[in-house]
Structures are given as C-alpha cells and as structure tokens.
Amino acid sequence: VKTYSFRRTLAFWGAVMCVEGCLLFLWIDLITTYAIGTPEMLYELTKVPNLVGGLFFMTGIYLSWFELINMDSEKLNANKLHYFWVSIESVTDLGIEKASYVGSLTYLIGGVFYTISQVSDFWDLTLGVHSLLVDWPLIVGGLLFFLGGLCELKINNVFSSAPTRLVWWVAVLNGYGGLTFWLSACPS
C-alpha cells in the first residue's frame, strides 16, 4: 500500500504541476494577444508568470522522473530513494522499456535548459550573451522535448496501433507539443 500511495501521489502532483505551468503559459499569451495592462506592467505580467510557470512545469517533470527512478518497491519500503540518477539497467530489470527511461530523462534535461532560459531572460543581456543563455537553451530544450515526445510515441505503440485508446492521443499530443516547443524556439 505504501508503494502504491507513493507512486499515485507523485503522479497526481506531477500532473498538477504541469497543468499549472501550462495555465501560466496561456496567461502570457492572453496578456500579449489582448494587450492587457500598460507597457510598464508588461514585464511583470509576462516574465514573472513565465518563470513561475516554467518552475511548476519543471517540478512536474522532475516528479515524473523521480517516480520512474524509484520504481523498485523494495527500495521504497527501505527508504533508499534515488533523487537524481539510477542506472538504466535497474529500471529495465523491472520490465520498464528503455524508451521510458530515455524519454523521461530527455524531458528532465529539456526542462533544465528551459529553466536556464527563463531565469536568464530576467536581465538585460548583450546580444551574444542573450543568444547563449536564452535563445540556445530554448532551442536545445525544445529539441529534447520533441525527442521525449518521440519516446512516448514509441512506448504507446502509436506507429503500430489504431487510435482507440486515450493514451494513444495523449502521446500524439505530447509529441506534437514537443515539436511546437522546438519549432517556436528556432529562428525564422
């Protein structure tokens, strides 16, 4: 029961954090599309929610990773939790596909790149430094989100099954979301 409750709680809070982050990202689009607030308020109405939304999203991604690397119930019951890393063999020995491990890890690293970009975007940086600390982390993070989405497509047999399950559609939308994150960060 302890292991089940632990995993269920992690899955719930991970989902809540990701949804909250997405809602804050939508807030930014609402503000910019409808020109809400004065130009002086634009910084506070967009940059702060972007960072907070990114931190919520990063927390949700980390909780998903934390859940995956702690799938061994013996370790959970013995209070020997892994916080950052576990070998891929220890996860695959439990019957979990390598694509789950790789996908979750690419989401996590992509989230770190996005967070670097969001924090760096708070300052007035020279063009070269802005490119290095804001633009490139967005591009690399978006690419990693797309690759994580491809792993989800593989895990959920999207290429070899009919769209009859909800998880099939969720995987497709996550893959599409990763692609759009990546493409939106690429220079035109």
N, C-alpha and C. Protein backbone atom coordinates (compact mmCIF):
# COMPACT_ATOMS: atom_id res chain seq x y z
N VAL A 1 0.83 -1.18 0.00
CA VAL A 1 0.00 0.00 0.00
C VAL A 1 0.87 1.25 0.00
N LYS A 2 1.95 1.22 0.77
CA LYS A 2 2.83 2.38 0.85
C LYS A 2 3.40 2.73 -0.53
N THR A 3 3.86 1.73 -1.28
CA THR A 3 4.43 1.95 -2.60
C THR A 3 3.37 2.51 -3.55
N TYR A 4 2.18 1.93 -3.52
CA TYR A 4 1.11 2.39 -4.39
C TYR A 4 0.76 3.85 -4.08
N SER A 5 0.60 4.19 -2.81
CA SER A 5 0.26 5.56 -2.42
C SER A 5 1.35 6.53 -2.83
N PHE A 6 2.60 6.13 -2.65
CA PHE A 6 3.73 6.97 -3.03
C PHE A 6 3.69 7.28 -4.52
N ARG A 7 3.54 6.27 -5.35
CA ARG A 7 3.53 6.47 -6.79
C ARG A 7 2.31 7.27 -7.23
N ARG A 8 1.18 6.96 -6.64
CA ARG A 8 -0.05 7.67 -7.03
C ARG A 8 0.05 9.15 -6.66
N THR A 9 0.60 9.46 -5.50
CA THR A 9 0.77 10.84 -5.08
C THR A 9 1.73 11.57 -6.01
N LEU A 10 2.84 10.91 -6.36
CA LEU A 10 3.79 11.54 -7.28
C LEU A 10 3.15 11.81 -8.63
N ALA A 11 2.42 10.84 -9.16
CA ALA A 11 1.78 11.01 -10.46
C ALA A 11 0.77 12.16 -10.41
N PHE A 12 0.00 12.24 -9.33
CA PHE A 12 -1.00 13.30 -9.20
C PHE A 12 -0.34 14.67 -9.15
N TRP A 13 0.63 14.84 -8.26
CA TRP A 13 1.25 16.15 -8.12
C TRP A 13 2.08 16.53 -9.34
N GLY A 14 2.68 15.56 -10.00
CA GLY A 14 3.38 15.84 -11.24
C GLY A 14 2.44 16.39 -12.29
N ALA A 15 1.27 15.78 -12.41
CA ALA A 15 0.27 16.25 -13.38
C ALA A 15 -0.25 17.64 -13.00
N VAL A 16 -0.51 17.86 -11.71
CA VAL A 16 -0.99 19.17 -11.26
C VAL A 16 0.04 20.25 -11.57
N MET A 17 1.29 19.98 -11.30
CA MET A 17 2.34 20.97 -11.56
C MET A 17 2.44 21.30 -13.05
N CYS A 18 2.38 20.28 -13.90
CA CYS A 18 2.44 20.53 -15.35
C CYS A 18 1.24 21.33 -15.84
N VAL A 19 0.06 21.02 -15.35
CA VAL A 19 -1.14 21.76 -15.75
C VAL A 19 -1.05 23.20 -15.28
N GLU A 20 -0.60 23.41 -14.05
CA GLU A 20 -0.45 24.77 -13.52
C GLU A 20 0.55 25.57 -14.36
N GLY A 21 1.65 24.93 -14.72
CA GLY A 21 2.63 25.60 -15.58
C GLY A 21 2.03 25.97 -16.93
N CYS A 22 1.27 25.06 -17.51
CA CYS A 22 0.63 25.34 -18.81
C CYS A 22 -0.36 26.49 -18.70
N LEU A 23 -1.11 26.55 -17.61
CA LEU A 23 -2.06 27.64 -17.43
C LEU A 23 -1.35 28.99 -17.34
N LEU A 24 -0.21 29.02 -16.67
CA LEU A 24 0.55 30.27 -16.61
C LEU A 24 1.13 30.64 -17.97
N PHE A 25 1.53 29.65 -18.77
CA PHE A 25 2.00 29.94 -20.13
C PHE A 25 0.85 30.51 -20.97
N LEU A 26 -0.35 29.99 -20.79
CA LEU A 26 -1.51 30.52 -21.51
C LEU A 26 -1.83 31.95 -21.07
N TRP A 27 -1.60 32.24 -19.80
CA TRP A 27 -1.79 33.59 -19.28
C TRP A 27 -0.94 34.59 -20.07
N ILE A 28 0.28 34.23 -20.35
CA ILE A 28 1.19 35.12 -21.08
C ILE A 28 0.63 35.41 -22.47
N ASP A 29 0.12 34.39 -23.15
CA ASP A 29 -0.48 34.60 -24.47
C ASP A 29 -1.71 35.49 -24.38
N LEU A 30 -2.51 35.33 -23.35
CA LEU A 30 -3.68 36.16 -23.14
C LEU A 30 -3.27 37.62 -22.97
N ILE A 31 -2.27 37.86 -22.15
CA ILE A 31 -1.79 39.22 -21.90
C ILE A 31 -1.27 39.86 -23.18
N THR A 32 -0.44 39.15 -23.91
CA THR A 32 0.16 39.74 -25.12
C THR A 32 -0.84 39.85 -26.27
N THR A 33 -1.75 38.92 -26.42
CA THR A 33 -2.72 38.96 -27.51
C THR A 33 -3.71 40.11 -27.34
N TYR A 34 -4.20 40.30 -26.12
CA TYR A 34 -5.22 41.31 -25.89
C TYR A 34 -4.68 42.60 -25.29
N ALA A 35 -3.36 42.74 -25.26
CA ALA A 35 -2.69 43.97 -24.78
C ALA A 35 -3.26 44.42 -23.43
N ILE A 36 -3.33 43.49 -22.50
CA ILE A 36 -3.84 43.80 -21.17
C ILE A 36 -2.74 44.48 -20.37
N GLY A 37 -3.08 45.54 -19.69
CA GLY A 37 -2.12 46.25 -18.86
C GLY A 37 -1.37 47.32 -19.65
N THR A 38 -0.60 48.07 -18.94
CA THR A 38 0.19 49.13 -19.56
C THR A 38 1.54 48.57 -19.99
N PRO A 39 2.23 49.26 -20.87
CA PRO A 39 3.57 48.77 -21.27
C PRO A 39 4.52 48.61 -20.09
N GLU A 40 4.36 49.45 -19.07
CA GLU A 40 5.22 49.34 -17.89
C GLU A 40 4.95 48.06 -17.12
N MET A 41 3.71 47.55 -17.20
CA MET A 41 3.33 46.35 -16.48
C MET A 41 3.65 45.07 -17.25
N LEU A 42 4.01 45.20 -18.52
CA LEU A 42 4.21 44.03 -19.37
C LEU A 42 5.26 43.08 -18.82
N TYR A 43 6.33 43.65 -18.26
CA TYR A 43 7.40 42.82 -17.69
C TYR A 43 6.85 41.91 -16.59
N GLU A 44 6.13 42.52 -15.63
CA GLU A 44 5.60 41.74 -14.50
C GLU A 44 4.50 40.79 -14.94
N LEU A 45 3.73 41.16 -15.96
CA LEU A 45 2.62 40.33 -16.40
C LEU A 45 3.04 39.18 -17.32
N THR A 46 4.28 39.22 -17.82
CA THR A 46 4.73 38.15 -18.72
C THR A 46 5.96 37.41 -18.20
N LYS A 47 7.00 38.15 -17.78
CA LYS A 47 8.25 37.48 -17.37
C LYS A 47 8.08 36.66 -16.09
N VAL A 48 7.40 37.24 -15.11
CA VAL A 48 7.23 36.54 -13.84
C VAL A 48 6.36 35.29 -14.01
N PRO A 49 5.18 35.38 -14.66
CA PRO A 49 4.40 34.15 -14.87
C PRO A 49 5.13 33.12 -15.74
N ASN A 50 5.97 33.58 -16.67
CA ASN A 50 6.74 32.65 -17.49
C ASN A 50 7.71 31.85 -16.62
N LEU A 51 8.41 32.54 -15.71
CA LEU A 51 9.35 31.84 -14.83
C LEU A 51 8.60 30.92 -13.86
N VAL A 52 7.54 31.42 -13.25
CA VAL A 52 6.79 30.61 -12.29
C VAL A 52 6.16 29.40 -12.99
N GLY A 53 5.59 29.63 -14.19
CA GLY A 53 5.03 28.52 -14.96
C GLY A 53 6.10 27.51 -15.33
N GLY A 54 7.27 28.00 -15.70
CA GLY A 54 8.38 27.10 -16.02
C GLY A 54 8.84 26.29 -14.82
N LEU A 55 8.84 26.92 -13.64
CA LEU A 55 9.23 26.20 -12.43
C LEU A 55 8.19 25.15 -12.05
N PHE A 56 6.91 25.48 -12.21
CA PHE A 56 5.87 24.48 -11.99
C PHE A 56 6.06 23.30 -12.95
N PHE A 57 6.27 23.62 -14.22
CA PHE A 57 6.44 22.59 -15.24
C PHE A 57 7.67 21.74 -14.94
N MET A 58 8.77 22.39 -14.57
CA MET A 58 10.00 21.66 -14.24
C MET A 58 9.78 20.75 -13.03
N THR A 59 9.04 21.22 -12.05
CA THR A 59 8.73 20.39 -10.88
C THR A 59 7.93 19.16 -11.29
N GLY A 60 6.94 19.35 -12.18
CA GLY A 60 6.15 18.22 -12.66
C GLY A 60 6.99 17.21 -13.41
N ILE A 61 7.91 17.70 -14.24
CA ILE A 61 8.81 16.81 -14.98
C ILE A 61 9.71 16.05 -14.01
N TYR A 62 10.24 16.77 -13.00
CA TYR A 62 11.11 16.11 -12.03
C TYR A 62 10.35 15.03 -11.26
N LEU A 63 9.11 15.31 -10.87
CA LEU A 63 8.34 14.31 -10.13
C LEU A 63 8.10 13.06 -10.96
N SER A 64 7.91 13.23 -12.25
CA SER A 64 7.76 12.08 -13.15
C SER A 64 9.07 11.28 -13.20
N TRP A 65 10.18 11.97 -13.31
CA TRP A 65 11.50 11.33 -13.31
C TRP A 65 11.74 10.61 -11.97
N PHE A 66 11.43 11.30 -10.87
CA PHE A 66 11.62 10.74 -9.54
C PHE A 66 10.80 9.47 -9.37
N GLU A 67 9.58 9.49 -9.88
CA GLU A 67 8.74 8.29 -9.81
C GLU A 67 9.37 7.14 -10.59
N LEU A 68 9.87 7.44 -11.78
CA LEU A 68 10.46 6.39 -12.63
C LEU A 68 11.69 5.77 -11.99
N ILE A 69 12.58 6.59 -11.46
CA ILE A 69 13.84 6.03 -10.93
C ILE A 69 13.65 5.38 -9.57
N ASN A 70 12.44 5.46 -9.01
CA ASN A 70 12.16 4.81 -7.73
C ASN A 70 11.08 3.75 -7.87
N MET A 71 11.04 3.08 -9.01
CA MET A 71 10.01 2.06 -9.25
C MET A 71 10.24 0.77 -8.46
N ASP A 72 11.42 0.56 -7.96
CA ASP A 72 11.71 -0.66 -7.20
C ASP A 72 11.09 -0.54 -5.81
N SER A 73 10.05 -1.29 -5.55
CA SER A 73 9.31 -1.16 -4.29
C SER A 73 10.15 -1.53 -3.08
N GLU A 74 11.12 -2.43 -3.24
CA GLU A 74 11.95 -2.78 -2.09
C GLU A 74 12.74 -1.58 -1.62
N LYS A 75 13.22 -0.81 -2.56
CA LYS A 75 13.97 0.39 -2.17
C LYS A 75 13.06 1.43 -1.54
N LEU A 76 11.83 1.52 -2.05
CA LEU A 76 10.89 2.48 -1.46
C LEU A 76 10.58 2.11 -0.02
N ASN A 77 10.31 0.84 0.21
CA ASN A 77 9.97 0.41 1.56
C ASN A 77 11.16 0.47 2.51
N ALA A 78 12.35 0.45 1.96
CA ALA A 78 13.54 0.53 2.79
C ALA A 78 14.02 1.98 2.94
N ASN A 79 13.26 2.92 2.39
CA ASN A 79 13.60 4.35 2.44
C ASN A 79 14.95 4.66 1.79
N LYS A 80 15.28 3.93 0.75
CA LYS A 80 16.50 4.20 0.00
C LYS A 80 16.09 4.79 -1.34
N LEU A 81 15.67 6.03 -1.32
CA LEU A 81 15.19 6.69 -2.53
C LEU A 81 16.34 7.21 -3.37
N HIS A 82 16.13 7.22 -4.67
CA HIS A 82 17.06 7.86 -5.60
C HIS A 82 16.48 9.24 -5.91
N TYR A 83 17.34 10.24 -5.89
CA TYR A 83 16.84 11.59 -6.12
C TYR A 83 17.22 12.14 -7.50
N PHE A 84 18.35 11.70 -8.04
CA PHE A 84 18.79 12.26 -9.31
C PHE A 84 19.06 11.23 -10.39
N TRP A 85 19.55 10.07 -10.01
CA TRP A 85 20.03 9.14 -11.02
C TRP A 85 19.89 7.71 -10.56
N VAL A 86 19.66 6.83 -11.52
CA VAL A 86 19.70 5.39 -11.31
C VAL A 86 20.11 4.80 -12.66
N SER A 87 20.79 3.69 -12.64
CA SER A 87 21.23 3.11 -13.91
C SER A 87 20.04 2.63 -14.73
N ILE A 88 20.19 2.68 -16.03
CA ILE A 88 19.12 2.25 -16.93
C ILE A 88 18.83 0.76 -16.74
N GLU A 89 19.86 -0.01 -16.38
CA GLU A 89 19.67 -1.44 -16.16
C GLU A 89 18.73 -1.72 -14.99
N SER A 90 18.86 -0.92 -13.93
CA SER A 90 17.99 -1.16 -12.76
C SER A 90 16.53 -0.87 -13.09
N VAL A 91 16.27 0.01 -14.06
CA VAL A 91 14.90 0.29 -14.48
C VAL A 91 14.42 -0.78 -15.45
N THR A 92 15.25 -1.17 -16.41
CA THR A 92 14.83 -2.17 -17.38
C THR A 92 14.69 -3.55 -16.73
N ASP A 93 15.43 -3.80 -15.65
CA ASP A 93 15.27 -5.07 -14.92
C ASP A 93 13.87 -5.21 -14.32
N LEU A 94 13.19 -4.10 -14.14
CA LEU A 94 11.83 -4.10 -13.60
C LEU A 94 10.78 -4.26 -14.71
N GLY A 95 11.25 -4.41 -15.96
CA GLY A 95 10.33 -4.58 -17.08
C GLY A 95 9.91 -3.28 -17.73
N ILE A 96 10.58 -2.20 -17.40
CA ILE A 96 10.25 -0.89 -17.98
C ILE A 96 11.12 -0.69 -19.22
N GLU A 97 10.49 -0.24 -20.30
CA GLU A 97 11.21 -0.05 -21.56
C GLU A 97 12.29 1.02 -21.44
N LYS A 98 13.37 0.83 -22.20
CA LYS A 98 14.43 1.84 -22.23
C LYS A 98 13.89 3.18 -22.72
N ALA A 99 12.92 3.15 -23.62
CA ALA A 99 12.36 4.39 -24.14
C ALA A 99 11.69 5.22 -23.04
N SER A 100 11.16 4.57 -22.01
CA SER A 100 10.57 5.30 -20.87
C SER A 100 11.66 6.06 -20.12
N TYR A 101 12.77 5.38 -19.89
CA TYR A 101 13.90 6.00 -19.18
C TYR A 101 14.47 7.14 -20.01
N VAL A 102 14.75 6.88 -21.28
CA VAL A 102 15.34 7.89 -22.16
C VAL A 102 14.40 9.07 -22.33
N GLY A 103 13.11 8.80 -22.54
CA GLY A 103 12.15 9.87 -22.72
C GLY A 103 12.02 10.74 -21.49
N SER A 104 11.93 10.13 -20.33
CA SER A 104 11.81 10.89 -19.09
C SER A 104 13.07 11.71 -18.83
N LEU A 105 14.22 11.13 -19.13
CA LEU A 105 15.48 11.86 -18.94
C LEU A 105 15.60 13.03 -19.92
N THR A 106 15.18 12.85 -21.16
CA THR A 106 15.25 13.97 -22.11
C THR A 106 14.28 15.07 -21.73
N TYR A 107 13.10 14.72 -21.21
CA TYR A 107 12.19 15.75 -20.70
C TYR A 107 12.85 16.53 -19.56
N LEU A 108 13.49 15.81 -18.64
CA LEU A 108 14.13 16.45 -17.50
C LEU A 108 15.25 17.40 -17.94
N ILE A 109 16.11 16.94 -18.81
CA ILE A 109 17.21 17.79 -19.27
C ILE A 109 16.66 18.97 -20.08
N GLY A 110 15.64 18.72 -20.90
CA GLY A 110 15.00 19.80 -21.64
C GLY A 110 14.40 20.83 -20.70
N GLY A 111 13.79 20.37 -19.61
CA GLY A 111 13.24 21.29 -18.62
C GLY A 111 14.32 22.14 -17.96
N VAL A 112 15.48 21.55 -17.72
CA VAL A 112 16.60 22.32 -17.15
C VAL A 112 17.03 23.41 -18.13
N PHE A 113 17.14 23.08 -19.41
CA PHE A 113 17.51 24.09 -20.41
C PHE A 113 16.48 25.22 -20.46
N TYR A 114 15.19 24.87 -20.43
CA TYR A 114 14.14 25.89 -20.44
C TYR A 114 14.22 26.78 -19.21
N THR A 115 14.50 26.19 -18.05
CA THR A 115 14.59 26.97 -16.82
C THR A 115 15.78 27.92 -16.88
N ILE A 116 16.89 27.48 -17.43
CA ILE A 116 18.05 28.37 -17.61
C ILE A 116 17.65 29.56 -18.46
N SER A 117 16.94 29.31 -19.53
CA SER A 117 16.50 30.39 -20.42
C SER A 117 15.56 31.35 -19.70
N GLN A 118 14.61 30.82 -18.96
CA GLN A 118 13.63 31.67 -18.28
C GLN A 118 14.27 32.54 -17.20
N VAL A 119 15.20 31.99 -16.45
CA VAL A 119 15.89 32.77 -15.43
C VAL A 119 16.78 33.83 -16.09
N SER A 120 17.49 33.46 -17.13
CA SER A 120 18.39 34.40 -17.80
C SER A 120 17.63 35.53 -18.47
N ASP A 121 16.40 35.29 -18.86
CA ASP A 121 15.61 36.30 -19.57
C ASP A 121 15.17 37.45 -18.66
N PHE A 122 15.44 37.37 -17.37
CA PHE A 122 15.08 38.44 -16.45
C PHE A 122 16.02 39.64 -16.56
N TRP A 123 17.19 39.48 -17.13
CA TRP A 123 18.17 40.54 -17.18
C TRP A 123 18.34 41.07 -18.60
N ASP A 124 18.78 42.32 -18.68
CA ASP A 124 19.16 42.89 -19.98
C ASP A 124 20.56 42.37 -20.29
N LEU A 125 20.64 41.53 -21.29
CA LEU A 125 21.91 40.90 -21.65
C LEU A 125 22.36 41.41 -23.01
N THR A 126 23.66 41.37 -23.23
CA THR A 126 24.15 41.71 -24.56
C THR A 126 23.63 40.67 -25.54
N LEU A 127 23.66 40.99 -26.81
CA LEU A 127 23.10 40.10 -27.82
C LEU A 127 23.75 38.72 -27.79
N GLY A 128 25.08 38.68 -27.68
CA GLY A 128 25.77 37.39 -27.64
C GLY A 128 25.44 36.57 -26.42
N VAL A 129 25.39 37.21 -25.26
CA VAL A 129 25.07 36.50 -24.02
C VAL A 129 23.60 36.07 -24.04
N HIS A 130 22.72 36.93 -24.56
CA HIS A 130 21.30 36.58 -24.67
C HIS A 130 21.13 35.35 -25.56
N SER A 131 21.86 35.32 -26.66
CA SER A 131 21.80 34.17 -27.56
C SER A 131 22.26 32.90 -26.84
N LEU A 132 23.32 33.01 -26.06
CA LEU A 132 23.89 31.86 -25.36
C LEU A 132 23.01 31.38 -24.20
N LEU A 133 22.45 32.30 -23.43
CA LEU A 133 21.72 31.92 -22.22
C LEU A 133 20.20 31.89 -22.36
N VAL A 134 19.67 32.46 -23.45
CA VAL A 134 18.21 32.47 -23.63
C VAL A 134 17.82 31.71 -24.90
N ASP A 135 18.36 32.13 -26.04
CA ASP A 135 17.92 31.54 -27.31
C ASP A 135 18.33 30.08 -27.47
N TRP A 136 19.61 29.78 -27.26
CA TRP A 136 20.07 28.40 -27.46
C TRP A 136 19.48 27.41 -26.47
N PRO A 137 19.35 27.77 -25.17
CA PRO A 137 18.68 26.82 -24.27
C PRO A 137 17.23 26.53 -24.68
N LEU A 138 16.53 27.51 -25.25
CA LEU A 138 15.17 27.27 -25.74
C LEU A 138 15.18 26.28 -26.91
N ILE A 139 16.14 26.44 -27.81
CA ILE A 139 16.22 25.55 -28.97
C ILE A 139 16.58 24.13 -28.52
N VAL A 140 17.60 24.00 -27.69
CA VAL A 140 18.02 22.68 -27.22
C VAL A 140 16.93 22.04 -26.36
N GLY A 141 16.33 22.82 -25.45
CA GLY A 141 15.25 22.29 -24.62
C GLY A 141 14.07 21.84 -25.45
N GLY A 142 13.71 22.62 -26.47
CA GLY A 142 12.61 22.23 -27.34
C GLY A 142 12.91 20.96 -28.10
N LEU A 143 14.15 20.82 -28.58
CA LEU A 143 14.54 19.59 -29.27
C LEU A 143 14.44 18.39 -28.32
N LEU A 144 14.87 18.57 -27.09
CA LEU A 144 14.79 17.47 -26.12
C LEU A 144 13.35 17.13 -25.79
N PHE A 145 12.46 18.14 -25.71
CA PHE A 145 11.04 17.85 -25.51
C PHE A 145 10.47 17.07 -26.69
N PHE A 146 10.88 17.41 -27.88
CA PHE A 146 10.42 16.68 -29.06
C PHE A 146 10.92 15.24 -29.03
N LEU A 147 12.19 15.04 -28.69
CA LEU A 147 12.73 13.67 -28.60
C LEU A 147 12.02 12.87 -27.50
N GLY A 148 11.70 13.52 -26.38
CA GLY A 148 10.92 12.85 -25.33
C GLY A 148 9.55 12.46 -25.84
N GLY A 149 8.95 13.34 -26.65
CA GLY A 149 7.66 13.02 -27.26
C GLY A 149 7.74 11.84 -28.21
N LEU A 150 8.85 11.75 -28.95
CA LEU A 150 9.04 10.59 -29.83
C LEU A 150 9.14 9.30 -29.01
N CYS A 151 9.80 9.37 -27.87
CA CYS A 151 9.87 8.19 -26.99
C CYS A 151 8.47 7.80 -26.52
N GLU A 152 7.64 8.78 -26.21
CA GLU A 152 6.26 8.47 -25.81
C GLU A 152 5.49 7.82 -26.94
N LEU A 153 5.72 8.28 -28.16
CA LEU A 153 5.06 7.66 -29.31
C LEU A 153 5.46 6.20 -29.43
N LYS A 154 6.74 5.90 -29.18
CA LYS A 154 7.21 4.51 -29.25
C LYS A 154 6.61 3.68 -28.12
N ILE A 155 6.65 4.21 -26.90
CA ILE A 155 6.16 3.47 -25.74
C ILE A 155 4.68 3.10 -25.91
N ASN A 156 3.91 4.01 -26.47
CA ASN A 156 2.47 3.80 -26.59
C ASN A 156 2.05 3.23 -27.94
N ASN A 157 3.02 2.69 -28.68
CA ASN A 157 2.76 1.99 -29.95
C ASN A 157 1.92 2.81 -30.93
N VAL A 158 2.19 4.10 -31.00
CA VAL A 158 1.41 4.97 -31.87
C VAL A 158 1.60 4.60 -33.34
N PHE A 159 2.80 4.15 -33.70
CA PHE A 159 3.08 3.84 -35.10
C PHE A 159 2.57 2.46 -35.52
N SER A 160 2.14 1.66 -34.54
CA SER A 160 1.73 0.29 -34.88
C SER A 160 0.34 -0.08 -34.36
N SER A 161 -0.43 0.90 -33.91
CA SER A 161 -1.77 0.60 -33.41
C SER A 161 -2.76 1.67 -33.84
N ALA A 162 -4.01 1.31 -33.79
CA ALA A 162 -5.07 2.25 -34.15
C ALA A 162 -5.33 3.20 -32.97
N PRO A 163 -5.85 4.40 -33.25
CA PRO A 163 -6.11 5.37 -32.18
C PRO A 163 -7.38 5.06 -31.40
N THR A 164 -7.35 3.98 -30.65
CA THR A 164 -8.54 3.55 -29.90
C THR A 164 -8.42 3.79 -28.40
N ARG A 165 -7.25 4.22 -27.94
CA ARG A 165 -7.05 4.43 -26.50
C ARG A 165 -6.70 5.89 -26.24
N LEU A 166 -7.09 6.38 -25.08
CA LEU A 166 -6.79 7.77 -24.70
C LEU A 166 -5.29 8.02 -24.67
N VAL A 167 -4.52 7.05 -24.16
CA VAL A 167 -3.08 7.23 -24.05
C VAL A 167 -2.44 7.41 -25.43
N TRP A 168 -3.02 6.82 -26.47
CA TRP A 168 -2.53 6.99 -27.85
C TRP A 168 -2.59 8.47 -28.21
N TRP A 169 -3.74 9.10 -27.93
CA TRP A 169 -3.92 10.52 -28.26
C TRP A 169 -3.04 11.41 -27.39
N VAL A 170 -2.90 11.07 -26.13
CA VAL A 170 -2.04 11.85 -25.24
C VAL A 170 -0.60 11.82 -25.75
N ALA A 171 -0.13 10.66 -26.16
CA ALA A 171 1.23 10.54 -26.70
C ALA A 171 1.39 11.38 -27.97
N VAL A 172 0.41 11.32 -28.85
CA VAL A 172 0.47 12.12 -30.09
C VAL A 172 0.52 13.61 -29.75
N LEU A 173 -0.32 14.05 -28.84
CA LEU A 173 -0.34 15.47 -28.48
C LEU A 173 0.95 15.89 -27.77
N ASN A 174 1.52 15.02 -26.93
CA ASN A 174 2.81 15.34 -26.31
C ASN A 174 3.92 15.44 -27.35
N GLY A 175 3.91 14.53 -28.32
CA GLY A 175 4.89 14.60 -29.41
C GLY A 175 4.73 15.89 -30.21
N TYR A 176 3.49 16.22 -30.51
CA TYR A 176 3.20 17.46 -31.25
C TYR A 176 3.60 18.69 -30.43
N GLY A 177 3.30 18.65 -29.12
CA GLY A 177 3.68 19.76 -28.24
C GLY A 177 5.19 19.94 -28.19
N GLY A 178 5.93 18.83 -28.12
CA GLY A 178 7.39 18.93 -28.13
C GLY A 178 7.90 19.52 -29.43
N LEU A 179 7.29 19.10 -30.54
CA LEU A 179 7.67 19.66 -31.85
C LEU A 179 7.41 21.15 -31.90
N THR A 180 6.24 21.59 -31.42
CA THR A 180 5.94 23.02 -31.48
C THR A 180 6.80 23.83 -30.51
N PHE A 181 7.13 23.27 -29.34
CA PHE A 181 8.08 23.95 -28.44
C PHE A 181 9.39 24.18 -29.17
N TRP A 182 9.86 23.16 -29.84
CA TRP A 182 11.14 23.24 -30.54
C TRP A 182 11.08 24.24 -31.68
N LEU A 183 10.07 24.10 -32.54
CA LEU A 183 9.97 24.99 -33.70
C LEU A 183 9.74 26.43 -33.32
N SER A 184 9.01 26.67 -32.23
CA SER A 184 8.77 28.05 -31.82
C SER A 184 10.06 28.72 -31.33
N ALA A 185 11.02 27.94 -30.88
CA ALA A 185 12.27 28.50 -30.39
C ALA A 185 13.30 28.69 -31.51
N CYS A 186 13.11 27.98 -32.62
CA CYS A 186 14.07 28.08 -33.73
C CYS A 186 13.93 29.43 -34.43
N PRO A 187 15.04 30.02 -34.80
CA PRO A 187 14.96 31.31 -35.51
C PRO A 187 14.28 31.15 -36.86
N SER A 188 13.56 32.20 -37.23
CA SER A 188 12.87 32.14 -38.53
C SER A 188 13.84 32.46 -39.60
